[in-house]
Amino acid sequence: MDFKPADGIVFPDAHPGNGVQSLRGLNPSISVAADGAYKVDPALDPFSPANGFNPEGASHYSKEFQARYFAAQSQVMNGLIAKAEAKMALIGAGKSTWPDDDIFVIPGGGFSGAGAGSASLNTMDPGIPELMSTARPEKLLKNDGTIVTEVVRSVAVPEPENARANRTFDRGTKVFTLKSFLSANAVKSTNSLNGIDWCSSNNSTMCAVQSIKIPTLIAAMGAFHFIPDQERMYDLSAAKDKDYIVIEGAVHGYTPCKACEKTPGQYSNSDRNLFDYIAKWANARF
């Protein structure tokens, strides 16, 4: 097909990539023994009150627990990659059940919805700034249409119900094939917070923006989990003409986060504000 080059690109609450999402959504405390027994390491259990979990509201994980958890997530993911690569080598050598691919199951690696991993610490503890806040003052498009510049923190509400979801097959387990895991749902790292090798996956927004030079608009939703990731996308972007803004009170689907509101209608204009801003940005360039 004769594809024409794009004039510009908009990233409305784009996540950093499927591999990163899989990494940060892993529950490193879970393991399944050869006999099928389900085991939980209490020292790494994100759903244990001893580690800071609150089943009734926002959790508060210590910096020490966060550091161990983020490192353990990477250790588990790197181990899964090695395991999958070893199985692919057996297939290549004709020593596997099937000649092309195989199933690959990750317990505790499921998603709670809208791109958020059910074991991602920030879904239970929205107060983790490295995962929920800009690193510096950025533009925030307020509900009334005005723009202010400040350090922007997500207003997302905690999801303690993830404790139940993560222990189920339906919402707490990821089922891939070896190829689908290795190609688009795995990423290498030293820790899941800031030690990620962005270009070790072919599904990586963070890697892609480093080669995209056309005008770029990056818009983060102010009631979700990608505010710092999108700020980092802006920093990594190769575009000379680039913009970053946060839409106040918007969830991942751009609509108002009613559960986040302190007064009714506080974020009622989120979707309109987003698309009005995109239109103004595009009309100024094309």
C-alpha atoms as a PDB file:
ATOM      1  CA  MET A   1       0.000   0.000   0.000  1.00  0.00           C
ATOM      2  CA  ASP A   2       1.069   3.573  -0.712  1.00  0.00           C
ATOM      3  CA  PHE A   3       1.135   5.150   2.730  1.00  0.00           C
ATOM      4  CA  LYS A   4       1.635   8.891   2.905  1.00  0.00           C
ATOM      5  CA  PRO A   5       3.899  10.270   5.630  1.00  0.00           C
ATOM      6  CA  ALA A   6       2.045  11.758   8.578  1.00  0.00           C
ATOM      7  CA  ASP A   7       2.140  15.518   9.019  1.00  0.00           C
ATOM      8  CA  GLY A   8       2.079  15.281  12.804  1.00  0.00           C
ATOM      9  CA  ILE A   9       1.236  12.909  15.634  1.00  0.00           C
ATOM     10  CA  VAL A  10      -0.799  13.138  18.840  1.00  0.00           C
ATOM     11  CA  PHE A  11      -0.221  10.890  21.854  1.00  0.00           C
ATOM     12  CA  PRO A  12      -3.375  11.208  24.016  1.00  0.00           C
ATOM     13  CA  ASP A  13      -2.477   9.375  27.239  1.00  0.00           C
ATOM     14  CA  ALA A  14      -0.240   6.914  25.416  1.00  0.00           C
ATOM     15  CA  HIS A  15       1.324   4.350  27.729  1.00  0.00           C
ATOM     16  CA  PRO A  16       5.059   3.571  27.525  1.00  0.00           C
ATOM     17  CA  GLY A  17       4.567   0.221  25.782  1.00  0.00           C
ATOM     18  CA  ASN A  18       3.029  -3.200  26.357  1.00  0.00           C
ATOM     19  CA  GLY A  19       6.280  -4.583  27.721  1.00  0.00           C
ATOM     20  CA  VAL A  20       6.555  -1.841  30.317  1.00  0.00           C
ATOM     21  CA  GLN A  21       2.908  -2.313  31.251  1.00  0.00           C
ATOM     22  CA  SER A  22       3.501  -6.048  31.689  1.00  0.00           C
ATOM     23  CA  LEU A  23       6.621  -5.371  33.768  1.00  0.00           C
ATOM     24  CA  ARG A  24       5.011  -2.867  36.123  1.00  0.00           C
ATOM     25  CA  GLY A  25       1.872  -5.001  36.436  1.00  0.00           C
ATOM     26  CA  LEU A  26       3.748  -8.118  37.568  1.00  0.00           C
ATOM     27  CA  ASN A  27       3.245  -9.362  41.094  1.00  0.00           C
ATOM     28  CA  PRO A  28       6.742 -10.616  41.995  1.00  0.00           C
ATOM     29  CA  SER A  29       5.532 -12.269  45.196  1.00  0.00           C
ATOM     30  CA  ILE A  30       3.618 -14.946  43.275  1.00  0.00           C
ATOM     31  CA  SER A  31       5.014 -18.230  42.059  1.00  0.00           C
ATOM     32  CA  VAL A  32       3.484 -21.523  41.002  1.00  0.00           C
ATOM     33  CA  ALA A  33       5.269 -24.747  41.911  1.00  0.00           C
ATOM     34  CA  ALA A  34       5.642 -27.703  39.557  1.00  0.00           C
ATOM     35  CA  ASP A  35       2.724 -29.427  41.282  1.00  0.00           C
ATOM     36  CA  GLY A  36       0.512 -26.385  40.655  1.00  0.00           C
ATOM     37  CA  ALA A  37       0.687 -25.042  44.197  1.00  0.00           C
ATOM     38  CA  TYR A  38       0.189 -21.265  44.383  1.00  0.00           C
ATOM     39  CA  LYS A  39       2.773 -19.556  46.583  1.00  0.00           C
ATOM     40  CA  VAL A  40       3.084 -15.985  47.861  1.00  0.00           C
ATOM     41  CA  ASP A  41       6.271 -14.474  49.267  1.00  0.00           C
ATOM     42  CA  PRO A  42       5.021 -12.326  52.177  1.00  0.00           C
ATOM     43  CA  ALA A  43       8.058 -10.020  51.993  1.00  0.00           C
ATOM     44  CA  LEU A  44       7.029  -8.887  48.499  1.00  0.00           C
ATOM     45  CA  ASP A  45       3.246  -9.171  48.754  1.00  0.00           C
ATOM     46  CA  PRO A  46       1.750  -5.795  47.675  1.00  0.00           C
ATOM     47  CA  PHE A  47      -1.596  -6.799  49.197  1.00  0.00           C
ATOM     48  CA  SER A  48      -0.263  -7.336  52.701  1.00  0.00           C
ATOM     49  CA  PRO A  49      -1.022  -4.637  55.316  1.00  0.00           C
ATOM     50  CA  ALA A  50       2.426  -5.377  56.739  1.00  0.00           C
ATOM     51  CA  ASN A  51       3.895  -3.931  53.531  1.00  0.00           C
ATOM     52  CA  GLY A  52       1.615  -0.882  53.462  1.00  0.00           C
ATOM     53  CA  PHE A  53      -1.533  -2.149  51.756  1.00  0.00           C
ATOM     54  CA  ASN A  54      -4.851  -0.625  52.801  1.00  0.00           C
ATOM     55  CA  PRO A  55      -7.900  -2.694  51.780  1.00  0.00           C
ATOM     56  CA  GLU A  56     -10.221   0.234  52.509  1.00  0.00           C
ATOM     57  CA  GLY A  57      -8.498   3.088  50.669  1.00  0.00           C
ATOM     58  CA  ALA A  58      -5.118   4.441  49.624  1.00  0.00           C
ATOM     59  CA  SER A  59      -2.122   2.282  50.455  1.00  0.00           C
ATOM     60  CA  HIS A  60       1.203   3.727  51.560  1.00  0.00           C
ATOM     61  CA  TYR A  61       4.277   1.704  50.629  1.00  0.00           C
ATOM     62  CA  SER A  62       7.613   2.690  52.135  1.00  0.00           C
ATOM     63  CA  LYS A  63      10.508   3.721  49.914  1.00  0.00           C
ATOM     64  CA  GLU A  64      12.335   0.608  51.071  1.00  0.00           C
ATOM     65  CA  PHE A  65       9.484  -1.685  50.012  1.00  0.00           C
ATOM     66  CA  GLN A  66       9.100   0.165  46.705  1.00  0.00           C
ATOM     67  CA  ALA A  67      12.801  -0.301  45.907  1.00  0.00           C
ATOM     68  CA  ARG A  68      12.650  -4.039  46.650  1.00  0.00           C
ATOM     69  CA  TYR A  69       9.404  -4.434  44.717  1.00  0.00           C
ATOM     70  CA  PHE A  70      10.606  -2.592  41.603  1.00  0.00           C
ATOM     71  CA  ALA A  71      13.845  -4.619  41.589  1.00  0.00           C
ATOM     72  CA  ALA A  72      11.922  -7.871  42.082  1.00  0.00           C
ATOM     73  CA  GLN A  73       9.563  -7.075  39.198  1.00  0.00           C
ATOM     74  CA  SER A  74      12.576  -6.736  36.915  1.00  0.00           C
ATOM     75  CA  GLN A  75      14.132  -9.929  38.217  1.00  0.00           C
ATOM     76  CA  VAL A  76      10.918 -11.832  37.527  1.00  0.00           C
ATOM     77  CA  MET A  77      10.479 -10.316  34.053  1.00  0.00           C
ATOM     78  CA  ASN A  78      14.098 -11.009  33.085  1.00  0.00           C
ATOM     79  CA  GLY A  79      13.619 -14.586  34.285  1.00  0.00           C
ATOM     80  CA  LEU A  80      10.454 -14.944  32.220  1.00  0.00           C
ATOM     81  CA  ILE A  81      12.286 -13.661  29.139  1.00  0.00           C
ATOM     82  CA  ALA A  82      15.096 -16.188  29.668  1.00  0.00           C
ATOM     83  CA  LYS A  83      12.547 -18.982  30.147  1.00  0.00           C
ATOM     84  CA  ALA A  84      10.658 -18.051  26.979  1.00  0.00           C
ATOM     85  CA  GLU A  85      13.865 -17.755  24.957  1.00  0.00           C
ATOM     86  CA  ALA A  86      14.956 -21.202  26.159  1.00  0.00           C
ATOM     87  CA  LYS A  87      11.641 -22.703  25.065  1.00  0.00           C
ATOM     88  CA  MET A  88      11.958 -21.012  21.666  1.00  0.00           C
ATOM     89  CA  ALA A  89      15.421 -22.543  21.331  1.00  0.00           C
ATOM     90  CA  LEU A  90      13.933 -25.987  21.933  1.00  0.00           C
ATOM     91  CA  ILE A  91      11.337 -25.313  19.239  1.00  0.00           C
ATOM     92  CA  GLY A  92      14.111 -24.266  16.862  1.00  0.00           C
ATOM     93  CA  ALA A  93      15.945 -27.499  17.614  1.00  0.00           C
ATOM     94  CA  GLY A  94      12.840 -29.582  16.976  1.00  0.00           C
ATOM     95  CA  LYS A  95      12.637 -30.678  20.614  1.00  0.00           C
ATOM     96  CA  SER A  96       9.286 -29.156  21.562  1.00  0.00           C
ATOM     97  CA  THR A  97       5.704 -30.389  21.372  1.00  0.00           C
ATOM     98  CA  TRP A  98       4.859 -27.957  18.566  1.00  0.00           C
ATOM     99  CA  PRO A  99       7.114 -26.789  15.736  1.00  0.00           C
ATOM    100  CA  ASP A 100       6.116 -23.124  15.799  1.00  0.00           C
ATOM    101  CA  ASP A 101       5.036 -21.739  19.185  1.00  0.00           C
ATOM    102  CA  ASP A 102       3.683 -22.617  22.628  1.00  0.00           C
ATOM    103  CA  ILE A 103       1.490 -21.182  25.370  1.00  0.00           C
ATOM    104  CA  PHE A 104       3.123 -18.937  27.986  1.00  0.00           C
ATOM    105  CA  VAL A 105       1.231 -18.169  31.209  1.00  0.00           C
ATOM    106  CA  ILE A 106       2.174 -15.512  33.769  1.00  0.00           C
ATOM    107  CA  PRO A 107       0.354 -15.792  37.120  1.00  0.00           C
ATOM    108  CA  GLY A 108      -0.118 -12.486  38.901  1.00  0.00           C
ATOM    109  CA  GLY A 109       0.550 -10.572  35.709  1.00  0.00           C
ATOM    110  CA  GLY A 110      -2.971  -9.543  34.787  1.00  0.00           C
ATOM    111  CA  PHE A 111      -4.545  -6.143  34.264  1.00  0.00           C
ATOM    112  CA  SER A 112      -7.219  -4.426  36.300  1.00  0.00           C
ATOM    113  CA  GLY A 113      -8.467  -2.437  33.311  1.00  0.00           C
ATOM    114  CA  ALA A 114      -7.638   0.614  31.166  1.00  0.00           C
ATOM    115  CA  GLY A 115      -4.014  -0.380  30.836  1.00  0.00           C
ATOM    116  CA  ALA A 116      -3.208  -0.523  34.552  1.00  0.00           C
ATOM    117  CA  GLY A 117      -1.595  -3.651  35.947  1.00  0.00           C
ATOM    118  CA  SER A 118      -3.456  -5.090  38.930  1.00  0.00           C
ATOM    119  CA  ALA A 119      -0.187  -5.359  40.870  1.00  0.00           C
ATOM    120  CA  SER A 120       1.166  -1.933  39.911  1.00  0.00           C
ATOM    121  CA  LEU A 121       1.938  -0.214  43.197  1.00  0.00           C
ATOM    122  CA  ASN A 122       0.608   3.145  42.032  1.00  0.00           C
ATOM    123  CA  THR A 123      -2.867   1.719  41.459  1.00  0.00           C
ATOM    124  CA  MET A 124      -3.063   1.097  45.202  1.00  0.00           C
ATOM    125  CA  ASP A 125      -0.804   3.979  46.298  1.00  0.00           C
ATOM    126  CA  PRO A 126      -1.462   7.038  44.077  1.00  0.00           C
ATOM    127  CA  GLY A 127       0.974   8.987  46.226  1.00  0.00           C
ATOM    128  CA  ILE A 128       4.100   7.563  44.558  1.00  0.00           C
ATOM    129  CA  PRO A 129       5.386  10.700  42.794  1.00  0.00           C
ATOM    130  CA  GLU A 130       7.731   8.927  40.365  1.00  0.00           C
ATOM    131  CA  LEU A 131       4.712   7.112  38.904  1.00  0.00           C
ATOM    132  CA  MET A 132       1.973   9.711  39.406  1.00  0.00           C
ATOM    133  CA  SER A 133       3.483  13.192  39.112  1.00  0.00           C
ATOM    134  CA  THR A 134       5.486  15.360  36.745  1.00  0.00           C
ATOM    135  CA  ALA A 135       9.128  15.825  37.644  1.00  0.00           C
ATOM    136  CA  ARG A 136       8.948  19.590  37.087  1.00  0.00           C
ATOM    137  CA  PRO A 137       6.309  22.285  36.517  1.00  0.00           C
ATOM    138  CA  GLU A 138       4.276  21.513  33.385  1.00  0.00           C
ATOM    139  CA  LYS A 139       1.163  22.879  31.679  1.00  0.00           C
ATOM    140  CA  LEU A 140      -2.153  21.816  33.208  1.00  0.00           C
ATOM    141  CA  LEU A 141      -5.343  22.475  31.242  1.00  0.00           C
ATOM    142  CA  LYS A 142      -7.885  23.281  33.932  1.00  0.00           C
ATOM    143  CA  ASN A 143     -11.544  22.372  33.723  1.00  0.00           C
ATOM    144  CA  ASP A 144     -12.480  26.013  33.040  1.00  0.00           C
ATOM    145  CA  GLY A 145     -10.196  26.093  29.996  1.00  0.00           C
ATOM    146  CA  THR A 146      -7.356  28.075  31.548  1.00  0.00           C
ATOM    147  CA  ILE A 147      -3.787  26.801  31.562  1.00  0.00           C
ATOM    148  CA  VAL A 148      -1.508  26.954  34.587  1.00  0.00           C
ATOM    149  CA  THR A 149       2.068  25.765  34.991  1.00  0.00           C
ATOM    150  CA  GLU A 150       2.838  23.689  38.067  1.00  0.00           C
ATOM    151  CA  VAL A 151       4.044  20.296  39.246  1.00  0.00           C
ATOM    152  CA  VAL A 152       1.066  18.140  38.253  1.00  0.00           C
ATOM    153  CA  ARG A 153      -0.034  15.218  40.406  1.00  0.00           C
ATOM    154  CA  SER A 154      -2.594  12.666  39.274  1.00  0.00           C
ATOM    155  CA  VAL A 155      -5.923  12.819  41.086  1.00  0.00           C
ATOM    156  CA  ALA A 156      -6.590   9.119  40.401  1.00  0.00           C
ATOM    157  CA  VAL A 157      -8.308   7.214  43.196  1.00  0.00           C
ATOM    158  CA  PRO A 158      -6.791   4.052  44.714  1.00  0.00           C
ATOM    159  CA  GLU A 159      -7.929   0.595  43.578  1.00  0.00           C
ATOM    160  CA  PRO A 160      -7.712  -1.718  46.611  1.00  0.00           C
ATOM    161  CA  GLU A 161     -10.020  -4.150  44.824  1.00  0.00           C
ATOM    162  CA  ASN A 162      -6.953  -5.201  42.817  1.00  0.00           C
ATOM    163  CA  ALA A 163      -6.040  -7.460  45.727  1.00  0.00           C
ATOM    164  CA  ARG A 164      -8.933  -9.735  44.800  1.00  0.00           C
ATOM    165  CA  ALA A 165      -8.484  -9.373  41.037  1.00  0.00           C
ATOM    166  CA  ASN A 166      -4.780 -10.207  41.035  1.00  0.00           C
ATOM    167  CA  ARG A 167      -5.343 -13.607  42.628  1.00  0.00           C
ATOM    168  CA  THR A 168      -7.820 -14.733  39.956  1.00  0.00           C
ATOM    169  CA  PHE A 169      -7.211 -16.388  36.603  1.00  0.00           C
ATOM    170  CA  ASP A 170      -9.539 -14.061  34.695  1.00  0.00           C
ATOM    171  CA  ARG A 171      -8.035 -10.741  35.800  1.00  0.00           C
ATOM    172  CA  GLY A 172      -4.818 -11.782  37.498  1.00  0.00           C
ATOM    173  CA  THR A 173      -3.220 -13.984  34.860  1.00  0.00           C
ATOM    174  CA  LYS A 174      -1.728 -13.137  31.476  1.00  0.00           C
ATOM    175  CA  VAL A 175      -1.895 -15.805  28.780  1.00  0.00           C
ATOM    176  CA  PHE A 176       0.475 -15.294  25.861  1.00  0.00           C
ATOM    177  CA  THR A 177       2.247 -17.423  23.314  1.00  0.00           C
ATOM    178  CA  LEU A 178       6.028 -17.454  23.414  1.00  0.00           C
ATOM    179  CA  LYS A 179       6.181 -15.241  20.344  1.00  0.00           C
ATOM    180  CA  SER A 180       3.551 -12.743  21.491  1.00  0.00           C
ATOM    181  CA  PHE A 181       5.291 -12.397  24.848  1.00  0.00           C
ATOM    182  CA  LEU A 182       8.827 -11.975  23.523  1.00  0.00           C
ATOM    183  CA  SER A 183       7.888  -9.718  20.617  1.00  0.00           C
ATOM    184  CA  ALA A 184       5.505  -7.232  22.202  1.00  0.00           C
ATOM    185  CA  ASN A 185       4.916  -7.900  25.902  1.00  0.00           C
ATOM    186  CA  ALA A 186       8.384  -8.212  27.400  1.00  0.00           C
ATOM    187  CA  VAL A 187      11.051  -5.636  28.177  1.00  0.00           C
ATOM    188  CA  LYS A 188      14.443  -5.876  29.874  1.00  0.00           C
ATOM    189  CA  SER A 189      15.299  -3.805  32.923  1.00  0.00           C
ATOM    190  CA  THR A 190      17.222  -3.519  36.161  1.00  0.00           C
ATOM    191  CA  ASN A 191      14.214  -2.106  38.011  1.00  0.00           C
ATOM    192  CA  SER A 192      10.701  -1.372  36.850  1.00  0.00           C
ATOM    193  CA  LEU A 193      10.712   2.275  37.912  1.00  0.00           C
ATOM    194  CA  ASN A 194      13.617   3.897  36.116  1.00  0.00           C
ATOM    195  CA  GLY A 195      15.939   1.112  34.992  1.00  0.00           C
ATOM    196  CA  ILE A 196      14.073   0.082  31.838  1.00  0.00           C
ATOM    197  CA  ASP A 197      15.799  -0.633  28.525  1.00  0.00           C
ATOM    198  CA  TRP A 198      13.130   1.125  26.446  1.00  0.00           C
ATOM    199  CA  CYS A 199      14.327  -0.256  23.115  1.00  0.00           C
ATOM    200  CA  SER A 200      14.537  -3.909  24.179  1.00  0.00           C
ATOM    201  CA  SER A 201      10.940  -4.370  22.996  1.00  0.00           C
ATOM    202  CA  ASN A 202       9.385  -3.768  19.577  1.00  0.00           C
ATOM    203  CA  ASN A 203       6.292  -2.386  21.333  1.00  0.00           C
ATOM    204  CA  SER A 204       7.738   0.669  23.048  1.00  0.00           C
ATOM    205  CA  THR A 205       6.395   4.183  22.780  1.00  0.00           C
ATOM    206  CA  MET A 206       9.457   5.420  24.648  1.00  0.00           C
ATOM    207  CA  CYS A 207      11.727   3.979  21.968  1.00  0.00           C
ATOM    208  CA  ALA A 208       9.561   5.055  19.034  1.00  0.00           C
ATOM    209  CA  VAL A 209       9.419   8.746  19.960  1.00  0.00           C
ATOM    210  CA  GLN A 210      13.197   8.920  19.721  1.00  0.00           C
ATOM    211  CA  SER A 211      12.849   8.493  15.940  1.00  0.00           C
ATOM    212  CA  ILE A 212       9.697  10.552  15.316  1.00  0.00           C
ATOM    213  CA  LYS A 213      10.627  14.046  14.139  1.00  0.00           C
ATOM    214  CA  ILE A 214       7.293  15.397  12.892  1.00  0.00           C
ATOM    215  CA  PRO A 215       5.337  17.837  15.121  1.00  0.00           C
ATOM    216  CA  THR A 216       4.275  15.962  18.246  1.00  0.00           C
ATOM    217  CA  LEU A 217       1.611  16.647  20.854  1.00  0.00           C
ATOM    218  CA  ILE A 218       1.691  14.627  24.065  1.00  0.00           C
ATOM    219  CA  ALA A 219      -1.392  14.956  26.273  1.00  0.00           C
ATOM    220  CA  ALA A 220      -1.577  13.158  29.612  1.00  0.00           C
ATOM    221  CA  MET A 221      -4.824  12.502  31.472  1.00  0.00           C
ATOM    222  CA  GLY A 222      -4.776  14.059  34.925  1.00  0.00           C
ATOM    223  CA  ALA A 223      -6.757  11.296  36.642  1.00  0.00           C
ATOM    224  CA  PHE A 224      -4.722   8.361  35.412  1.00  0.00           C
ATOM    225  CA  HIS A 225      -1.272   6.790  35.698  1.00  0.00           C
ATOM    226  CA  PHE A 226       0.766   7.995  32.723  1.00  0.00           C
ATOM    227  CA  ILE A 227       1.558  11.611  33.667  1.00  0.00           C
ATOM    228  CA  PRO A 228       5.292  11.003  34.358  1.00  0.00           C
ATOM    229  CA  ASP A 229       5.639   8.517  31.502  1.00  0.00           C
ATOM    230  CA  GLN A 230       4.273  11.025  29.029  1.00  0.00           C
ATOM    231  CA  GLU A 231       6.555  13.717  30.404  1.00  0.00           C
ATOM    232  CA  ARG A 232       9.445  11.340  29.738  1.00  0.00           C
ATOM    233  CA  MET A 233       8.114  10.735  26.211  1.00  0.00           C
ATOM    234  CA  TYR A 234       8.284  14.472  25.667  1.00  0.00           C
ATOM    235  CA  ASP A 235      11.887  14.552  26.881  1.00  0.00           C
ATOM    236  CA  LEU A 236      12.875  11.618  24.641  1.00  0.00           C
ATOM    237  CA  SER A 237      11.007  12.909  21.586  1.00  0.00           C
ATOM    238  CA  ALA A 238      13.198  13.782  18.594  1.00  0.00           C
ATOM    239  CA  ALA A 239      10.681  16.373  17.343  1.00  0.00           C
ATOM    240  CA  LYS A 240      11.796  19.995  17.358  1.00  0.00           C
ATOM    241  CA  ASP A 241       8.151  21.068  17.426  1.00  0.00           C
ATOM    242  CA  LYS A 242       6.698  19.254  20.438  1.00  0.00           C
ATOM    243  CA  ASP A 243       4.224  20.024  23.198  1.00  0.00           C
ATOM    244  CA  TYR A 244       3.218  18.422  26.507  1.00  0.00           C
ATOM    245  CA  ILE A 245       0.104  19.153  28.537  1.00  0.00           C
ATOM    246  CA  VAL A 246      -1.975  17.457  31.235  1.00  0.00           C
ATOM    247  CA  ILE A 247      -5.788  17.468  31.040  1.00  0.00           C
ATOM    248  CA  GLU A 248      -7.215  18.060  34.503  1.00  0.00           C
ATOM    249  CA  GLY A 249      -9.454  15.308  35.878  1.00  0.00           C
ATOM    250  CA  ALA A 250      -9.492  13.121  32.762  1.00  0.00           C
ATOM    251  CA  VAL A 251      -9.341   9.330  32.910  1.00  0.00           C
ATOM    252  CA  HIS A 252      -7.617   7.136  30.325  1.00  0.00           C
ATOM    253  CA  GLY A 253     -10.655   7.348  28.014  1.00  0.00           C
ATOM    254  CA  TYR A 254     -10.575  11.191  28.258  1.00  0.00           C
ATOM    255  CA  THR A 255     -13.903  11.467  30.121  1.00  0.00           C
ATOM    256  CA  PRO A 256     -14.201  13.047  33.593  1.00  0.00           C
ATOM    257  CA  CYS A 257     -13.164  11.030  36.615  1.00  0.00           C
ATOM    258  CA  LYS A 258     -16.325  11.409  38.672  1.00  0.00           C
ATOM    259  CA  ALA A 259     -14.889   9.312  41.486  1.00  0.00           C
ATOM    260  CA  CYS A 260     -12.036  11.834  41.761  1.00  0.00           C
ATOM    261  CA  GLU A 261     -14.271  14.892  42.066  1.00  0.00           C
ATOM    262  CA  LYS A 262     -14.595  16.731  45.368  1.00  0.00           C
ATOM    263  CA  THR A 263     -17.542  18.709  44.007  1.00  0.00           C
ATOM    264  CA  PRO A 264     -20.010  17.524  41.318  1.00  0.00           C
ATOM    265  CA  GLY A 265     -18.878  18.496  37.821  1.00  0.00           C
ATOM    266  CA  GLN A 266     -15.386  19.472  38.949  1.00  0.00           C
ATOM    267  CA  TYR A 267     -13.856  17.804  35.877  1.00  0.00           C
ATOM    268  CA  SER A 268     -16.898  17.901  33.575  1.00  0.00           C
ATOM    269  CA  ASN A 269     -15.087  19.475  30.608  1.00  0.00           C
ATOM    270  CA  SER A 270     -12.134  17.081  30.364  1.00  0.00           C
ATOM    271  CA  ASP A 271     -12.961  15.453  27.012  1.00  0.00           C
ATOM    272  CA  ARG A 272     -14.027  18.725  25.391  1.00  0.00           C
ATOM    273  CA  ASN A 273     -10.912  20.475  26.652  1.00  0.00           C
ATOM    274  CA  LEU A 274      -8.691  17.729  25.248  1.00  0.00           C
ATOM    275  CA  PHE A 275     -10.169  17.787  21.745  1.00  0.00           C
ATOM    276  CA  ASP A 276     -10.368  21.582  21.663  1.00  0.00           C
ATOM    277  CA  TYR A 277      -6.665  21.705  22.523  1.00  0.00           C
ATOM    278  CA  ILE A 278      -5.817  19.117  19.846  1.00  0.00           C
ATOM    279  CA  ALA A 279      -7.807  21.100  17.264  1.00  0.00           C
ATOM    280  CA  LYS A 280      -6.094  24.353  18.190  1.00  0.00           C
ATOM    281  CA  TRP A 281      -2.665  22.674  18.080  1.00  0.00           C
ATOM    282  CA  ALA A 282      -3.361  21.084  14.674  1.00  0.00           C
ATOM    283  CA  ASN A 283      -4.916  24.187  13.117  1.00  0.00           C
ATOM    284  CA  ALA A 284      -1.864  26.221  14.073  1.00  0.00           C
ATOM    285  CA  ARG A 285       0.386  23.854  12.097  1.00  0.00           C
ATOM    286  CA  PHE A 286      -1.511  22.301   9.221  1.00  0.00           C
END
